[in-house]
Every structure is written in structure tokens, then in C-alpha cells.
Protein backbone atom coordinates (compact mmCIF):
# COMPACT_ATOMS: atom_id res chain seq x y z
CA UNK A 1 -123.83 -36.39 -100.31
CA UNK A 2 -122.73 -39.26 -102.52
CA UNK A 3 -121.75 -38.82 -106.13
CA UNK A 4 -124.23 -38.81 -109.02
CA UNK A 5 -126.83 -41.56 -108.84
CA UNK A 6 -127.29 -43.68 -111.94
CA UNK A 7 -130.41 -45.77 -111.49
CA UNK A 8 -133.75 -46.18 -113.21
CA UNK A 9 -135.78 -44.06 -110.77
CA UNK A 10 -133.46 -41.14 -110.20
CA UNK A 11 -135.97 -38.93 -108.42
CA UNK A 12 -136.88 -41.71 -105.99
CA UNK A 13 -133.24 -42.50 -105.28
CA UNK A 14 -132.39 -38.85 -104.69
CA UNK A 15 -135.39 -38.41 -102.42
CA UNK A 16 -134.30 -41.40 -100.33
CA UNK A 17 -130.76 -40.06 -100.09
CA UNK A 18 -131.90 -36.64 -98.92
CA UNK A 19 -134.39 -38.22 -96.50
CA UNK A 20 -131.57 -40.33 -95.05
CA UNK A 21 -129.38 -37.28 -94.54
CA UNK A 22 -132.23 -35.40 -92.87
CA UNK A 23 -132.78 -38.34 -90.52
CA UNK A 24 -129.03 -38.50 -89.81
CA UNK A 25 -129.01 -34.83 -88.81
CA UNK A 26 -127.10 -33.30 -91.71
CA UNK A 27 -130.04 -30.97 -92.26
CA UNK A 28 -131.86 -29.76 -89.17
CA UNK A 29 -135.52 -28.82 -88.80
CA UNK A 30 -136.01 -25.31 -90.16
CA UNK A 31 -132.78 -25.41 -92.16
CA UNK A 32 -132.82 -24.48 -95.83
CA UNK A 33 -131.75 -27.08 -98.40
CA UNK A 34 -129.23 -26.26 -101.14
CA UNK A 35 -130.71 -24.51 -104.18
CA UNK A 36 -132.06 -26.46 -107.15
CA UNK A 37 -129.00 -25.63 -109.32
CA UNK A 38 -126.68 -26.83 -106.54
CA UNK A 39 -128.60 -30.11 -106.19
CA UNK A 40 -128.68 -30.52 -109.98
CA UNK A 41 -124.90 -30.17 -110.15
CA UNK A 42 -124.32 -32.47 -107.21
CA UNK A 43 -126.49 -35.33 -108.46
CA UNK A 44 -125.81 -34.71 -112.12
CA UNK A 45 -129.49 -34.62 -113.07
CA UNK A 46 -131.95 -32.14 -114.53
CA UNK A 47 -134.26 -29.69 -112.83
CA UNK A 48 -137.37 -31.84 -113.35
CA UNK A 49 -135.77 -34.76 -111.48
CA UNK A 50 -134.84 -32.57 -108.52
CA UNK A 51 -138.32 -31.10 -108.43
CA UNK A 52 -139.90 -34.55 -108.51
CA UNK A 53 -137.69 -35.70 -105.63
CA UNK A 54 -138.50 -32.55 -103.66
CA UNK A 55 -142.23 -33.00 -104.27
CA UNK A 56 -141.98 -36.56 -102.94
CA UNK A 57 -140.31 -35.34 -99.75
CA UNK A 58 -142.94 -32.63 -99.31
CA UNK A 59 -145.64 -35.30 -99.58
CA UNK A 60 -143.84 -37.32 -96.92
CA UNK A 61 -143.96 -34.30 -94.64
CA UNK A 62 -140.17 -33.96 -94.51
CA UNK A 63 -139.88 -30.72 -96.49
CA UNK A 64 -141.89 -27.56 -97.01
CA UNK A 65 -141.57 -25.12 -99.87
CA UNK A 66 -141.74 -21.44 -98.96
CA UNK A 67 -142.50 -19.42 -102.07
CA UNK A 68 -139.70 -17.02 -102.85
CA UNK A 69 -137.52 -18.25 -99.99
CA UNK A 70 -136.60 -21.85 -100.78
CA UNK A 71 -137.10 -25.38 -99.49
CA UNK A 72 -136.85 -26.05 -95.75
CA UNK A 73 -136.74 -29.14 -93.53
CA UNK A 74 -140.13 -29.60 -91.87
CA UNK A 75 -139.39 -32.67 -89.76
CA UNK A 76 -136.72 -35.36 -89.54
CA UNK A 77 -138.89 -38.43 -90.05
CA UNK A 78 -142.00 -39.17 -92.10
CA UNK A 79 -144.28 -42.07 -92.97
CA UNK A 80 -143.20 -41.98 -96.58
CA UNK A 81 -146.71 -42.51 -97.98
CA UNK A 82 -150.21 -41.04 -97.88
CA UNK A 83 -152.58 -42.47 -95.24
CA UNK A 84 -154.88 -43.98 -97.87
CA UNK A 85 -151.98 -45.94 -99.35
CA UNK A 86 -150.93 -47.04 -95.86
CA UNK A 87 -154.42 -48.35 -95.15
CA UNK A 88 -154.45 -50.34 -98.38
CA UNK A 89 -151.42 -52.37 -97.34
CA UNK A 90 -152.37 -52.72 -93.67
CA UNK A 91 -153.21 -56.09 -92.15
CA UNK A 92 -156.96 -56.67 -91.99
CA UNK A 93 -156.85 -57.40 -88.26
CA UNK A 94 -155.02 -54.14 -87.57
CA UNK A 95 -157.60 -52.22 -89.59
CA UNK A 96 -160.43 -53.96 -87.76
CA UNK A 97 -158.94 -53.01 -84.40
CA UNK A 98 -158.85 -49.37 -85.47
CA UNK A 99 -162.41 -49.63 -86.79
CA UNK A 100 -163.66 -51.04 -83.49
CA UNK A 101 -162.05 -48.23 -81.50
CA UNK A 102 -163.58 -45.66 -83.83
CA UNK A 103 -167.01 -47.26 -83.52
CA UNK A 104 -167.12 -46.62 -79.78
CA UNK A 105 -166.26 -42.93 -80.19
CA UNK A 106 -168.58 -42.25 -83.12
CA UNK A 107 -171.46 -43.94 -81.29
CA UNK A 108 -170.83 -41.80 -78.23
CA UNK A 109 -170.72 -38.60 -80.32
CA UNK A 110 -173.72 -39.61 -82.45
CA UNK A 111 -175.86 -39.98 -79.34
CA UNK A 112 -175.13 -36.33 -78.57
CA UNK A 113 -175.22 -34.77 -82.04
CA UNK A 114 -177.63 -36.88 -84.13
CA UNK A 115 -180.56 -35.35 -85.98
CA UNK A 116 -183.89 -36.93 -86.85
CA UNK A 117 -182.65 -37.39 -90.40
CA UNK A 118 -179.61 -39.25 -89.06
CA UNK A 119 -181.85 -41.54 -86.99
CA UNK A 120 -183.91 -42.44 -90.06
CA UNK A 121 -180.76 -43.26 -92.05
CA UNK A 122 -179.34 -45.42 -89.25
CA UNK A 123 -182.65 -47.27 -88.84
CA UNK A 124 -182.92 -47.88 -92.58
CA UNK A 125 -179.51 -49.57 -92.74
CA UNK A 126 -180.25 -51.55 -89.57
CA UNK A 127 -183.48 -52.88 -91.09
CA UNK A 128 -181.61 -53.81 -94.28
CA UNK A 129 -178.98 -55.58 -92.18
CA UNK A 130 -181.63 -57.64 -90.43
CA UNK A 131 -183.46 -58.57 -93.66
CA UNK A 132 -180.24 -59.71 -95.32
CA UNK A 133 -179.24 -61.70 -92.22
CA UNK A 134 -182.61 -63.48 -92.04
CA UNK A 135 -182.45 -64.29 -95.75
CA UNK A 136 -178.88 -65.56 -95.45
CA UNK A 137 -177.46 -62.99 -97.87
CA UNK A 138 -174.00 -62.56 -96.41
CA UNK A 139 -172.61 -59.95 -98.82
CA UNK A 140 -175.70 -57.77 -98.60
CA UNK A 141 -175.63 -58.20 -94.83
CA UNK A 142 -172.01 -57.04 -94.61
CA UNK A 143 -172.74 -54.06 -96.85
CA UNK A 144 -175.72 -53.04 -94.70
CA UNK A 145 -173.70 -53.50 -91.50
CA UNK A 146 -170.93 -51.23 -92.80
CA UNK A 147 -173.47 -48.62 -93.94
CA UNK A 148 -175.18 -48.79 -90.55
CA UNK A 149 -171.95 -47.81 -88.81
CA UNK A 150 -171.04 -45.28 -91.51
CA UNK A 151 -174.40 -43.56 -90.94
CA UNK A 152 -173.58 -43.41 -87.22
CA UNK A 153 -170.22 -41.87 -88.14
CA UNK A 154 -172.05 -39.23 -90.18
CA UNK A 155 -174.36 -38.57 -87.22
CA UNK A 156 -171.42 -37.88 -84.90
CA UNK A 157 -170.84 -34.59 -86.79
CA UNK A 158 -167.06 -34.91 -86.67
CA UNK A 159 -165.84 -35.05 -90.26
CA UNK A 160 -162.40 -36.35 -89.32
CA UNK A 161 -163.83 -39.27 -87.33
CA UNK A 162 -166.28 -40.02 -90.13
CA UNK A 163 -163.56 -39.96 -92.79
CA UNK A 164 -161.29 -42.19 -90.70
CA UNK A 165 -164.11 -44.65 -90.19
CA UNK A 166 -164.90 -44.80 -93.91
CA UNK A 167 -161.23 -45.17 -94.79
CA UNK A 168 -160.80 -48.20 -92.52
CA UNK A 169 -164.15 -49.86 -93.22
CA UNK A 170 -163.87 -49.75 -97.00
CA UNK A 171 -160.86 -52.09 -96.88
CA UNK A 172 -162.48 -54.70 -94.63
CA UNK A 173 -165.33 -56.11 -96.70
CA UNK A 174 -163.29 -58.89 -98.34
CA UNK A 175 -161.91 -59.93 -94.96
CA UNK A 176 -165.42 -60.06 -93.48
CA UNK A 177 -166.47 -62.31 -96.36
CA UNK A 178 -163.66 -64.68 -95.42
CA UNK A 179 -164.26 -64.79 -91.67
CA UNK A 180 -168.07 -64.88 -91.78
CA UNK A 181 -169.19 -67.93 -93.80
CA UNK A 182 -172.86 -67.12 -93.14
CA UNK A 183 -175.06 -64.52 -91.48
CA UNK A 184 -175.40 -66.22 -88.09
CA UNK A 185 -173.04 -63.80 -86.32
CA UNK A 186 -175.10 -60.90 -87.65
CA UNK A 187 -178.30 -62.51 -86.39
CA UNK A 188 -176.69 -63.08 -83.00
CA UNK A 189 -175.79 -59.38 -82.64
CA UNK A 190 -178.94 -57.86 -84.14
CA UNK A 191 -180.42 -57.22 -80.70
CA UNK A 192 -177.31 -55.29 -79.64
CA UNK A 193 -177.38 -53.20 -82.81
CA UNK A 194 -181.02 -52.38 -82.11
CA UNK A 195 -180.02 -51.41 -78.57
CA UNK A 196 -177.34 -49.14 -80.00
CA UNK A 197 -179.95 -47.36 -82.09
CA UNK A 198 -182.10 -46.92 -78.98
CA UNK A 199 -179.12 -45.43 -77.13
CA UNK A 200 -178.55 -42.95 -79.93
CA UNK A 201 -182.23 -42.01 -80.13
CA UNK A 202 -182.26 -41.49 -76.34
CA UNK A 203 -179.12 -39.30 -76.46
CA UNK A 204 -177.48 -41.83 -74.12
CA UNK A 205 -173.81 -41.40 -75.01
CA UNK A 206 -172.49 -43.61 -72.22
CA UNK A 207 -174.96 -46.35 -73.11
CA UNK A 208 -173.96 -46.12 -76.79
CA UNK A 209 -170.28 -46.54 -75.90
CA UNK A 210 -171.05 -49.54 -73.67
CA UNK A 211 -173.30 -51.18 -76.26
CA UNK A 212 -170.60 -50.95 -78.92
CA UNK A 213 -168.19 -52.56 -76.45
CA UNK A 214 -170.63 -55.45 -76.09
CA UNK A 215 -171.00 -55.74 -79.86
CA UNK A 216 -167.22 -55.91 -80.26
CA UNK A 217 -167.02 -58.57 -77.54
CA UNK A 218 -169.64 -60.70 -79.25
CA UNK A 219 -167.98 -60.32 -82.65
CA UNK A 220 -164.51 -61.48 -81.58
């Protein structure tokens, strides 16, 4: 390691240094890191700074703390940030591509797993979408469209898929407001959204997948 680091964010700098050494192979997966006192002496900082740096690397997925045994290398590379933070800085088009892929899967699963309560929720948001589109209320229309697909995600009964869909959709509203100047596109695809609901009601998983593909094609 280098000598003591003298910068404003000591914990961040130390974390980056250790992460770099892990990536370079100095510390292998499963290997134990030096003790806190050893790291404190090496970097010339206090215990709280070392602990903060270690916590950061644990959050990145690079380290794991085993109570009573020490701190071990978990993997050699990591994203460096939580998924929610990554989604916030993602390009809108990249997020939309992920959203579209998720929509096909959640529709397929919803057609298999939906309940009557789910159907009522989906229909309610679809009706709201149509009313807002007819009245030319673009923001309300976008909100209802997102909720329509979120309710389908809930109906798929896969919490991970539903959470991923929510996480991507929540960041897209402002982009939709920029690319859709009015509600015409929503009017144009209302029939396909109604067909999607019919597929889900009929437990037609293949039809639901295909209908979402058509919706995506019309929206591009």
C-alpha cells in the first residue's frame, strides 16, 4: 500500500485504494484483510475512518465481515453503488429498454398468476388511462399508464420482477413528458392495452407476451 493519505475524504480514498489492490490481485477472494489496527497504522488514520472505508467496500460487495473472524474479500470487482443510485443516473433510453423487456415478462407471468382483485386493479388503471388520453391530460395519462403496468407487475406474483419494474418506471415519467407532447400515442395504443388485459383475463400468457411486443413496436 501507499503511504498515509492526506485528503478531504479519507475513508473514500482508502476504500478506493483497497478496492484497487483487490482488483489487482494483492488480496484474493476469501483472503483475510489486515486487522483494523494494522490498517490504522498503515494509513495513519483513526478507527472510525477505517470502519467507514470498510463499510463502503462491504456495500460495494467487495468485502464481507465475519463476526469474530475478521474482514474477508468477497469478490474482486463491484459496481461501487447501490442499484437505486445506479438507476438514478442511468440514461432514460437505457431505462426504457429495461422497462420494455420487463413488461413482456411480467405480462406473461400475470396471465398465469393473476387474481380477480388484480384484474380489477389493472382494469381501473386502464380506464383512467383512456379517460386522460381522451381529455388530453398528458401527465395524468402517463401516470395511469405507469400504474397500469405496475398493477400487472403486482399480478405476476414475482416480487423481484415487480420491484425491478417499479424501480425503472419511477425514473421515466419526466422523459415521457418530454417525448410525448400530447396523448395521441396513448390513444393509438389503447386498443392494444385493452387486448393485453383480455390476454391476462384469459390466462393467455403467450398472447400477453406478443401483445406487449406489439405495444412496444407501436411506441417506438
